[in-house]
């Protein structure tokens, strides 16, 4: 469970505002998924979770994977396993460029 009090304190916001924002975001995300909308959830400094045509894919930022696994290991792994090339993207790439349709609702 998310500790909204801790999040609110870290952001310097009232707890009810954090809870309201989380509720609104999850409600909108739920509606989008229910109606079949293409959705992207941008996870700062980690990557983008894409839901497109009911298919879920995670695209990780190169810098994040390099920090987690080490740049040398990442480079060796990506070139040995071609499927990984599709999962690794540079940070700052437009989210629409990661989709096959180019149309997506982005959750920051």
Protein backbone atom coordinates (compact mmCIF):
# COMPACT_ATOMS: atom_id res chain seq x y z
CA UNK A 1 0.00 0.00 0.00
CA UNK A 2 1.11 3.51 -0.78
CA UNK A 3 1.84 5.60 2.28
CA UNK A 4 0.05 8.79 1.30
CA UNK A 5 1.12 10.56 4.47
CA UNK A 6 4.80 9.97 3.64
CA UNK A 7 4.26 11.08 0.03
CA UNK A 8 2.39 14.19 1.15
CA UNK A 9 5.14 15.11 3.60
CA UNK A 10 7.86 14.60 0.97
CA UNK A 11 5.98 16.80 -1.50
CA UNK A 12 4.91 19.37 1.06
CA UNK A 13 1.23 18.90 0.15
CA UNK A 14 -1.86 18.15 2.22
CA UNK A 15 -2.59 14.43 2.51
CA UNK A 16 -6.14 14.83 1.16
CA UNK A 17 -4.76 16.44 -2.00
CA UNK A 18 -2.36 13.53 -2.59
CA UNK A 19 -5.13 11.00 -1.97
CA UNK A 20 -7.52 12.87 -4.27
CA UNK A 21 -4.95 13.04 -7.04
CA UNK A 22 -4.19 9.33 -6.74
CA UNK A 23 -7.89 8.48 -6.79
CA UNK A 24 -8.54 10.64 -9.85
CA UNK A 25 -5.56 9.19 -11.69
CA UNK A 26 -6.48 5.57 -10.96
CA UNK A 27 -10.10 6.23 -11.94
CA UNK A 28 -9.06 7.76 -15.25
CA UNK A 29 -6.58 4.97 -15.93
CA UNK A 30 -9.23 2.37 -15.14
CA UNK A 31 -11.72 4.03 -17.51
CA UNK A 32 -9.14 4.22 -20.28
CA UNK A 33 -8.29 0.55 -19.91
CA UNK A 34 -11.96 -0.43 -19.79
CA UNK A 35 -12.72 1.44 -23.02
CA UNK A 36 -9.64 0.14 -24.83
CA UNK A 37 -7.72 3.43 -25.02
CA UNK A 38 -3.99 3.30 -25.65
CA UNK A 39 -2.28 4.38 -22.43
CA UNK A 40 1.28 5.23 -21.41
CA UNK A 41 2.34 5.53 -17.81
CA UNK A 42 5.59 7.50 -17.65
CA UNK A 43 7.71 6.40 -14.71
CA UNK A 44 10.28 9.14 -14.18
CA UNK A 45 13.87 7.99 -14.65
CA UNK A 46 12.73 4.36 -15.15
CA UNK A 47 10.78 4.13 -18.39
CA UNK A 48 7.30 3.96 -19.86
CA UNK A 49 4.63 1.32 -19.33
CA UNK A 50 2.57 1.08 -22.52
CA UNK A 51 -0.86 -0.48 -22.86
CA UNK A 52 -1.74 -0.57 -26.53
CA UNK A 53 -4.48 -2.69 -28.06
CA UNK A 54 -4.72 -4.51 -24.72
CA UNK A 55 -1.05 -5.52 -24.99
CA UNK A 56 1.23 -4.40 -22.14
CA UNK A 57 4.89 -3.55 -22.78
CA UNK A 58 7.53 -1.91 -20.64
CA UNK A 59 10.13 0.31 -22.28
CA UNK A 60 13.06 1.01 -19.97
CA UNK A 61 15.32 4.01 -20.23
CA UNK A 62 18.86 3.10 -21.20
CA UNK A 63 20.31 5.12 -18.30
CA UNK A 64 18.10 3.30 -15.77
CA UNK A 65 19.13 -0.16 -16.96
CA UNK A 66 22.76 0.95 -17.07
CA UNK A 67 22.55 2.13 -13.47
CA UNK A 68 20.86 -1.10 -12.33
CA UNK A 69 22.97 -3.61 -14.23
CA UNK A 70 26.09 -1.69 -15.16
CA UNK A 71 26.61 -0.16 -18.58
CA UNK A 72 29.04 -2.85 -19.75
CA UNK A 73 26.66 -5.70 -18.87
CA UNK A 74 23.76 -3.81 -20.46
CA UNK A 75 25.61 -3.27 -23.73
CA UNK A 76 26.67 -6.93 -23.93
CA UNK A 77 23.15 -8.15 -23.14
CA UNK A 78 21.36 -5.88 -25.58
CA UNK A 79 23.55 -6.91 -28.48
CA UNK A 80 23.35 -10.62 -27.65
CA UNK A 81 19.56 -10.67 -27.28
CA UNK A 82 17.91 -8.71 -30.11
CA UNK A 83 14.52 -8.73 -28.36
CA UNK A 84 16.00 -6.43 -25.71
CA UNK A 85 16.59 -3.71 -28.29
CA UNK A 86 12.83 -3.13 -28.38
CA UNK A 87 12.70 -2.74 -24.59
CA UNK A 88 15.46 -0.14 -24.21
CA UNK A 89 14.88 3.49 -25.21
CA UNK A 90 16.76 6.73 -24.65
CA UNK A 91 15.36 9.03 -21.97
CA UNK A 92 13.52 11.95 -23.51
CA UNK A 93 12.13 10.01 -26.47
CA UNK A 94 8.57 11.18 -27.25
CA UNK A 95 6.07 8.68 -25.84
CA UNK A 96 4.05 8.69 -29.08
CA UNK A 97 7.17 7.43 -30.88
CA UNK A 98 7.07 4.29 -28.71
CA UNK A 99 3.61 3.30 -29.91
CA UNK A 100 2.59 1.65 -33.17
CA UNK A 101 -0.37 4.00 -33.54
CA UNK A 102 1.33 7.23 -32.45
CA UNK A 103 -1.78 7.96 -30.39
CA UNK A 104 -1.74 7.47 -26.65
CA UNK A 105 -2.99 9.04 -23.42
CA UNK A 106 0.09 9.84 -21.32
CA UNK A 107 -0.06 9.69 -17.54
CA UNK A 108 2.84 11.71 -16.08
